[in-house]
PDB file of N, CA and C in Angstrom:
ATOM      1  N   UNK A   1     -82.897 117.053  57.190  1.00  0.00           N
ATOM      2  CA  UNK A   1     -82.588 116.321  58.390  1.00  0.00           C
ATOM      3  C   UNK A   1     -83.178 117.063  59.592  1.00  0.00           C
ATOM      4  N   UNK A   2     -83.796 116.304  60.481  1.00  0.00           N
ATOM      5  CA  UNK A   2     -84.399 116.876  61.681  1.00  0.00           C
ATOM      6  C   UNK A   2     -83.332 117.127  62.731  1.00  0.00           C
ATOM      7  N   UNK A   3     -83.286 118.340  63.239  1.00  0.00           N
ATOM      8  CA  UNK A   3     -82.339 118.691  64.284  1.00  0.00           C
ATOM      9  C   UNK A   3     -83.005 118.528  65.636  1.00  0.00           C
ATOM     10  N   UNK A   4     -82.322 117.860  66.557  1.00  0.00           N
ATOM     11  CA  UNK A   4     -82.877 117.673  67.885  1.00  0.00           C
ATOM     12  C   UNK A   4     -82.546 118.865  68.763  1.00  0.00           C
ATOM     13  N   UNK A   5     -83.527 119.264  69.541  1.00  0.00           N
ATOM     14  CA  UNK A   5     -83.324 120.392  70.447  1.00  0.00           C
ATOM     15  C   UNK A   5     -82.624 119.931  71.717  1.00  0.00           C
ATOM     16  N   UNK A   6     -83.024 118.772  72.229  1.00  0.00           N
ATOM     17  CA  UNK A   6     -82.497 118.292  73.498  1.00  0.00           C
ATOM     18  C   UNK A   6     -81.632 117.061  73.308  1.00  0.00           C
ATOM     19  N   UNK A   7     -80.717 116.883  74.213  1.00  0.00           N
ATOM     20  CA  UNK A   7     -79.753 115.804  74.142  1.00  0.00           C
ATOM     21  C   UNK A   7     -80.366 114.455  74.532  1.00  0.00           C
ATOM     22  N   UNK A   8     -79.601 113.424  74.256  1.00  0.00           N
ATOM     23  CA  UNK A   8     -79.992 112.073  74.650  1.00  0.00           C
ATOM     24  C   UNK A   8     -80.174 112.001  76.170  1.00  0.00           C
ATOM     25  N   UNK A   9     -79.298 112.659  76.911  1.00  0.00           N
ATOM     26  CA  UNK A   9     -79.376 112.655  78.368  1.00  0.00           C
ATOM     27  C   UNK A   9     -80.691 113.260  78.860  1.00  0.00           C
ATOM     28  N   UNK A  10     -81.129 114.312  78.200  1.00  0.00           N
ATOM     29  CA  UNK A  10     -82.398 114.940  78.575  1.00  0.00           C
ATOM     30  C   UNK A  10     -83.550 113.973  78.343  1.00  0.00           C
ATOM     31  N   UNK A  11     -83.523 113.282  77.224  1.00  0.00           N
ATOM     32  CA  UNK A  11     -84.586 112.311  76.935  1.00  0.00           C
ATOM     33  C   UNK A  11     -84.616 111.193  77.967  1.00  0.00           C
ATOM     34  N   UNK A  12     -83.451 110.772  78.451  1.00  0.00           N
ATOM     35  CA  UNK A  12     -83.385 109.724  79.473  1.00  0.00           C
ATOM     36  C   UNK A  12     -84.003 110.218  80.778  1.00  0.00           C
ATOM     37  N   UNK A  13     -83.694 111.435  81.174  1.00  0.00           N
ATOM     38  CA  UNK A  13     -84.260 111.996  82.403  1.00  0.00           C
ATOM     39  C   UNK A  13     -85.775 112.095  82.286  1.00  0.00           C
ATOM     40  N   UNK A  14     -86.257 112.565  81.148  1.00  0.00           N
ATOM     41  CA  UNK A  14     -87.704 112.678  80.920  1.00  0.00           C
ATOM     42  C   UNK A  14     -88.364 111.299  81.020  1.00  0.00           C
ATOM     43  N   UNK A  15     -87.752 110.312  80.398  1.00  0.00           N
ATOM     44  CA  UNK A  15     -88.286 108.944  80.442  1.00  0.00           C
ATOM     45  C   UNK A  15     -88.356 108.445  81.883  1.00  0.00           C
ATOM     46  N   UNK A  16     -87.313 108.692  82.645  1.00  0.00           N
ATOM     47  CA  UNK A  16     -87.291 108.228  84.037  1.00  0.00           C
ATOM     48  C   UNK A  16     -88.284 108.992  84.902  1.00  0.00           C
ATOM     49  N   UNK A  17     -88.489 110.266  84.607  1.00  0.00           N
ATOM     50  CA  UNK A  17     -89.507 111.023  85.340  1.00  0.00           C
ATOM     51  C   UNK A  17     -90.884 110.399  85.142  1.00  0.00           C
ATOM     52  N   UNK A  18     -91.200 110.054  83.912  1.00  0.00           N
ATOM     53  CA  UNK A  18     -92.498 109.430  83.622  1.00  0.00           C
ATOM     54  C   UNK A  18     -92.608 108.076  84.314  1.00  0.00           C
ATOM     55  N   UNK A  19     -91.549 107.271  84.208  1.00  0.00           N
ATOM     56  CA  UNK A  19     -91.557 105.949  84.839  1.00  0.00           C
ATOM     57  C   UNK A  19     -91.739 106.070  86.351  1.00  0.00           C
ATOM     58  N   UNK A  20     -91.027 107.000  86.958  1.00  0.00           N
ATOM     59  CA  UNK A  20     -91.120 107.180  88.403  1.00  0.00           C
ATOM     60  C   UNK A  20     -92.525 107.601  88.814  1.00  0.00           C
ATOM     61  N   UNK A  21     -93.141 108.455  88.021  1.00  0.00           N
ATOM     62  CA  UNK A  21     -94.502 108.888  88.339  1.00  0.00           C
ATOM     63  C   UNK A  21     -95.454 107.702  88.263  1.00  0.00           C
ATOM     64  N   UNK A  22     -95.344 106.919  87.217  1.00  0.00           N
ATOM     65  CA  UNK A  22     -96.209 105.736  87.087  1.00  0.00           C
ATOM     66  C   UNK A  22     -95.995 104.767  88.251  1.00  0.00           C
ATOM     67  N   UNK A  23     -94.720 104.505  88.574  1.00  0.00           N
ATOM     68  CA  UNK A  23     -94.395 103.572  89.652  1.00  0.00           C
ATOM     69  C   UNK A  23     -94.915 104.052  91.000  1.00  0.00           C
ATOM     70  N   UNK A  24     -94.937 105.363  91.199  1.00  0.00           N
ATOM     71  CA  UNK A  24     -95.398 105.903  92.477  1.00  0.00           C
ATOM     72  C   UNK A  24     -96.919 106.002  92.553  1.00  0.00           C
ATOM     73  N   UNK A  25     -97.582 105.805  91.407  1.00  0.00           N
ATOM     74  CA  UNK A  25     -99.041 105.869  91.393  1.00  0.00           C
ATOM     75  C   UNK A  25     -99.602 107.277  91.452  1.00  0.00           C
ATOM     76  N   UNK A  26     -98.777 108.253  91.089  1.00  0.00           N
ATOM     77  CA  UNK A  26     -99.196 109.659  91.110  1.00  0.00           C
ATOM     78  C   UNK A  26     -99.526 110.078  89.682  1.00  0.00           C
ATOM     79  N   UNK A  27    -100.668 110.722  89.486  1.00  0.00           N
ATOM     80  CA  UNK A  27    -100.971 111.216  88.145  1.00  0.00           C
ATOM     81  C   UNK A  27    -100.415 112.636  87.985  1.00  0.00           C
ATOM     82  N   UNK A  28    -100.483 113.161  86.777  1.00  0.00           N
ATOM     83  CA  UNK A  28     -99.915 114.485  86.513  1.00  0.00           C
ATOM     84  C   UNK A  28    -100.570 115.570  87.360  1.00  0.00           C
ATOM     85  N   UNK A  29    -101.860 115.477  87.537  1.00  0.00           N
ATOM     86  CA  UNK A  29    -102.571 116.486  88.322  1.00  0.00           C
ATOM     87  C   UNK A  29    -102.114 116.479  89.777  1.00  0.00           C
ATOM     88  N   UNK A  30    -101.956 115.292  90.347  1.00  0.00           N
ATOM     89  CA  UNK A  30    -101.494 115.194  91.737  1.00  0.00           C
ATOM     90  C   UNK A  30    -100.063 115.711  91.884  1.00  0.00           C
ATOM     91  N   UNK A  31     -99.200 115.338  90.937  1.00  0.00           N
ATOM     92  CA  UNK A  31     -97.814 115.807  90.991  1.00  0.00           C
ATOM     93  C   UNK A  31     -97.764 117.330  90.893  1.00  0.00           C
ATOM     94  N   UNK A  32     -98.557 117.885  89.997  1.00  0.00           N
ATOM     95  CA  UNK A  32     -98.595 119.338  89.823  1.00  0.00           C
ATOM     96  C   UNK A  32     -99.049 120.032  91.105  1.00  0.00           C
ATOM     97  N   UNK A  33    -100.063 119.475  91.727  1.00  0.00           N
ATOM     98  CA  UNK A  33    -100.576 120.065  92.969  1.00  0.00           C
ATOM     99  C   UNK A  33     -99.497 120.068  94.052  1.00  0.00           C
ATOM    100  N   UNK A  34     -98.768 118.961  94.170  1.00  0.00           N
ATOM    101  CA  UNK A  34     -97.715 118.877  95.196  1.00  0.00           C
ATOM    102  C   UNK A  34     -96.561 119.832  94.909  1.00  0.00           C
ATOM    103  N   UNK A  35     -96.344 120.128  93.635  1.00  0.00           N
ATOM    104  CA  UNK A  35     -95.275 121.057  93.257  1.00  0.00           C
ATOM    105  C   UNK A  35     -95.730 122.511  93.219  1.00  0.00           C
ATOM    106  N   UNK A  36     -97.041 122.737  93.324  1.00  0.00           N
ATOM    107  CA  UNK A  36     -97.559 124.089  93.206  1.00  0.00           C
ATOM    108  C   UNK A  36     -97.516 124.594  91.775  1.00  0.00           C
ATOM    109  N   UNK A  37     -97.643 123.662  90.824  1.00  0.00           N
ATOM    110  CA  UNK A  37     -97.607 123.990  89.396  1.00  0.00           C
ATOM    111  C   UNK A  37     -98.900 123.530  88.743  1.00  0.00           C
ATOM    112  N   UNK A  38     -99.001 123.722  87.443  1.00  0.00           N
ATOM    113  CA  UNK A  38    -100.178 123.266  86.708  1.00  0.00           C
ATOM    114  C   UNK A  38     -99.902 121.886  86.110  1.00  0.00           C
ATOM    115  N   UNK A  39    -100.978 121.202  85.766  1.00  0.00           N
ATOM    116  CA  UNK A  39    -100.849 119.898  85.120  1.00  0.00           C
ATOM    117  C   UNK A  39    -100.140 120.055  83.781  1.00  0.00           C
ATOM    118  N   UNK A  40    -100.388 121.151  83.094  1.00  0.00           N
ATOM    119  CA  UNK A  40     -99.738 121.353  81.788  1.00  0.00           C
ATOM    120  C   UNK A  40     -98.219 121.511  81.940  1.00  0.00           C
ATOM    121  N   UNK A  41     -97.768 122.022  83.073  1.00  0.00           N
ATOM    122  CA  UNK A  41     -96.332 122.121  83.353  1.00  0.00           C
ATOM    123  C   UNK A  41     -95.722 120.721  83.379  1.00  0.00           C
ATOM    124  N   UNK A  42     -96.377 119.808  84.087  1.00  0.00           N
ATOM    125  CA  UNK A  42     -95.897 118.421  84.172  1.00  0.00           C
ATOM    126  C   UNK A  42     -95.920 117.786  82.783  1.00  0.00           C
ATOM    127  N   UNK A  43     -96.991 118.008  82.057  1.00  0.00           N
ATOM    128  CA  UNK A  43     -97.127 117.450  80.711  1.00  0.00           C
ATOM    129  C   UNK A  43     -96.005 117.939  79.794  1.00  0.00           C
ATOM    130  N   UNK A  44     -95.689 119.213  79.868  1.00  0.00           N
ATOM    131  CA  UNK A  44     -94.633 119.775  79.021  1.00  0.00           C
ATOM    132  C   UNK A  44     -93.258 119.212  79.387  1.00  0.00           C
ATOM    133  N   UNK A  45     -93.028 118.983  80.659  1.00  0.00           N
ATOM    134  CA  UNK A  45     -91.767 118.365  81.083  1.00  0.00           C
ATOM    135  C   UNK A  45     -91.686 116.948  80.538  1.00  0.00           C
ATOM    136  N   UNK A  46     -92.766 116.193  80.725  1.00  0.00           N
ATOM    137  CA  UNK A  46     -92.775 114.788  80.313  1.00  0.00           C
ATOM    138  C   UNK A  46     -92.764 114.606  78.798  1.00  0.00           C
ATOM    139  N   UNK A  47     -93.159 115.612  78.060  1.00  0.00           N
ATOM    140  CA  UNK A  47     -93.104 115.518  76.600  1.00  0.00           C
ATOM    141  C   UNK A  47     -91.800 116.093  76.049  1.00  0.00           C
ATOM    142  N   UNK A  48     -90.953 116.606  76.947  1.00  0.00           N
ATOM    143  CA  UNK A  48     -89.663 117.137  76.532  1.00  0.00           C
ATOM    144  C   UNK A  48     -89.708 118.555  76.005  1.00  0.00           C
ATOM    145  N   UNK A  49     -90.838 119.243  76.189  1.00  0.00           N
ATOM    146  CA  UNK A  49     -90.962 120.609  75.674  1.00  0.00           C
ATOM    147  C   UNK A  49     -90.191 121.621  76.503  1.00  0.00           C
ATOM    148  N   UNK A  50     -90.051 121.338  77.802  1.00  0.00           N
ATOM    149  CA  UNK A  50     -89.273 122.233  78.662  1.00  0.00           C
ATOM    150  C   UNK A  50     -88.337 121.410  79.545  1.00  0.00           C
ATOM    151  N   UNK A  51     -87.262 122.037  79.939  1.00  0.00           N
ATOM    152  CA  UNK A  51     -86.293 121.397  80.832  1.00  0.00           C
ATOM    153  C   UNK A  51     -86.565 121.826  82.267  1.00  0.00           C
ATOM    154  N   UNK A  52     -86.055 121.025  83.180  1.00  0.00           N
ATOM    155  CA  UNK A  52     -86.154 121.396  84.589  1.00  0.00           C
ATOM    156  C   UNK A  52     -84.747 121.567  85.149  1.00  0.00           C
ATOM    157  N   UNK A  53     -84.659 122.300  86.231  1.00  0.00           N
ATOM    158  CA  UNK A  53     -83.360 122.471  86.863  1.00  0.00           C
ATOM    159  C   UNK A  53     -83.198 121.445  87.992  1.00  0.00           C
ATOM    160  N   UNK A  54     -82.048 121.440  88.600  1.00  0.00           N
ATOM    161  CA  UNK A  54     -81.735 120.440  89.631  1.00  0.00           C
ATOM    162  C   UNK A  54     -82.647 120.561  90.845  1.00  0.00           C
ATOM    163  N   UNK A  55     -83.050 121.772  91.196  1.00  0.00           N
ATOM    164  CA  UNK A  55     -83.941 121.954  92.341  1.00  0.00           C
ATOM    165  C   UNK A  55     -85.318 121.355  92.062  1.00  0.00           C
ATOM    166  N   UNK A  56     -85.794 121.527  90.847  1.00  0.00           N
ATOM    167  CA  UNK A  56     -87.076 120.916  90.481  1.00  0.00           C
ATOM    168  C   UNK A  56     -86.949 119.401  90.445  1.00  0.00           C
ATOM    169  N   UNK A  57     -85.817 118.902  89.960  1.00  0.00           N
ATOM    170  CA  UNK A  57     -85.592 117.462  89.927  1.00  0.00           C
ATOM    171  C   UNK A  57     -85.603 116.878  91.338  1.00  0.00           C
ATOM    172  N   UNK A  58     -85.033 117.610  92.290  1.00  0.00           N
ATOM    173  CA  UNK A  58     -85.067 117.165  93.685  1.00  0.00           C
ATOM    174  C   UNK A  58     -86.498 117.071  94.200  1.00  0.00           C
ATOM    175  N   UNK A  59     -87.338 118.006  93.811  1.00  0.00           N
ATOM    176  CA  UNK A  59     -88.744 117.978  94.224  1.00  0.00           C
ATOM    177  C   UNK A  59     -89.478 116.778  93.622  1.00  0.00           C
ATOM    178  N   UNK A  60     -89.208 116.508  92.347  1.00  0.00           N
ATOM    179  CA  UNK A  60     -89.814 115.332  91.720  1.00  0.00           C
ATOM    180  C   UNK A  60     -89.359 114.058  92.442  1.00  0.00           C
ATOM    181  N   UNK A  61     -88.073 113.981  92.755  1.00  0.00           N
ATOM    182  CA  UNK A  61     -87.544 112.805  93.448  1.00  0.00           C
ATOM    183  C   UNK A  61     -88.260 112.602  94.785  1.00  0.00           C
ATOM    184  N   UNK A  62     -88.511 113.673  95.477  1.00  0.00           N
ATOM    185  CA  UNK A  62     -89.204 113.599  96.769  1.00  0.00           C
ATOM    186  C   UNK A  62     -90.642 113.111  96.583  1.00  0.00           C
ATOM    187  N   UNK A  63     -91.348 113.678  95.631  1.00  0.00           N
ATOM    188  CA  UNK A  63     -92.742 113.299  95.381  1.00  0.00           C
ATOM    189  C   UNK A  63     -92.842 111.835  94.961  1.00  0.00           C
ATOM    190  N   UNK A  64     -91.920 111.401  94.088  1.00  0.00           N
ATOM    191  CA  UNK A  64     -91.973 110.046  93.547  1.00  0.00           C
ATOM    192  C   UNK A  64     -91.227 109.036  94.413  1.00  0.00           C
ATOM    193  N   UNK A  65     -90.647 109.512  95.510  1.00  0.00           N
ATOM    194  CA  UNK A  65     -89.928 108.672  96.465  1.00  0.00           C
ATOM    195  C   UNK A  65     -88.806 107.879  95.798  1.00  0.00           C
ATOM    196  N   UNK A  66     -87.990 108.604  95.065  1.00  0.00           N
ATOM    197  CA  UNK A  66     -86.836 108.026  94.374  1.00  0.00           C
ATOM    198  C   UNK A  66     -85.595 108.815  94.764  1.00  0.00           C
ATOM    199  N   UNK A  67     -84.436 108.161  94.816  1.00  0.00           N
ATOM    200  CA  UNK A  67     -83.200 108.922  95.029  1.00  0.00           C
ATOM    201  C   UNK A  67     -82.907 109.737  93.766  1.00  0.00           C
ATOM    202  N   UNK A  68     -82.290 110.866  93.928  1.00  0.00           N
ATOM    203  CA  UNK A  68     -82.061 111.742  92.786  1.00  0.00           C
ATOM    204  C   UNK A  68     -81.211 111.070  91.714  1.00  0.00           C
ATOM    205  N   UNK A  69     -80.314 110.182  92.120  1.00  0.00           N
ATOM    206  CA  UNK A  69     -79.471 109.528  91.114  1.00  0.00           C
ATOM    207  C   UNK A  69     -80.258 108.562  90.221  1.00  0.00           C
ATOM    208  N   UNK A  70     -81.465 108.210  90.616  1.00  0.00           N
ATOM    209  CA  UNK A  70     -82.327 107.388  89.760  1.00  0.00           C
ATOM    210  C   UNK A  70     -82.563 108.089  88.417  1.00  0.00           C
ATOM    211  N   UNK A  71     -82.644 109.380  88.432  1.00  0.00           N
ATOM    212  CA  UNK A  71     -82.954 110.148  87.226  1.00  0.00           C
ATOM    213  C   UNK A  71     -81.731 110.455  86.367  1.00  0.00           C
ATOM    214  N   UNK A  72     -80.554 110.417  86.962  1.00  0.00           N
ATOM    215  CA  UNK A  72     -79.372 110.883  86.225  1.00  0.00           C
ATOM    216  C   UNK A  72     -78.283 109.824  86.035  1.00  0.00           C
ATOM    217  N   UNK A  73     -78.591 108.561  86.302  1.00  0.00           N
ATOM    218  CA  UNK A  73     -77.575 107.535  86.082  1.00  0.00           C
ATOM    219  C   UNK A  73     -77.388 107.278  84.611  1.00  0.00           C
TER     220      UNK A  73
END
């Protein structure tokens, strides 16, 4: 049996991060530049390989022009 590393809630946040990026018309490279990170950092977040903290989530919300509760409802 395959054991999941991350919870269902984490997968929902990741899904919403991707959706918000698409809706805002920002690609991974642009988002990374605005965050001062690499494109691979964004890719790893969106693939669920790494988690982000609340401060990073606030930055994503700002870049994608979404309220923070959009990601955690």
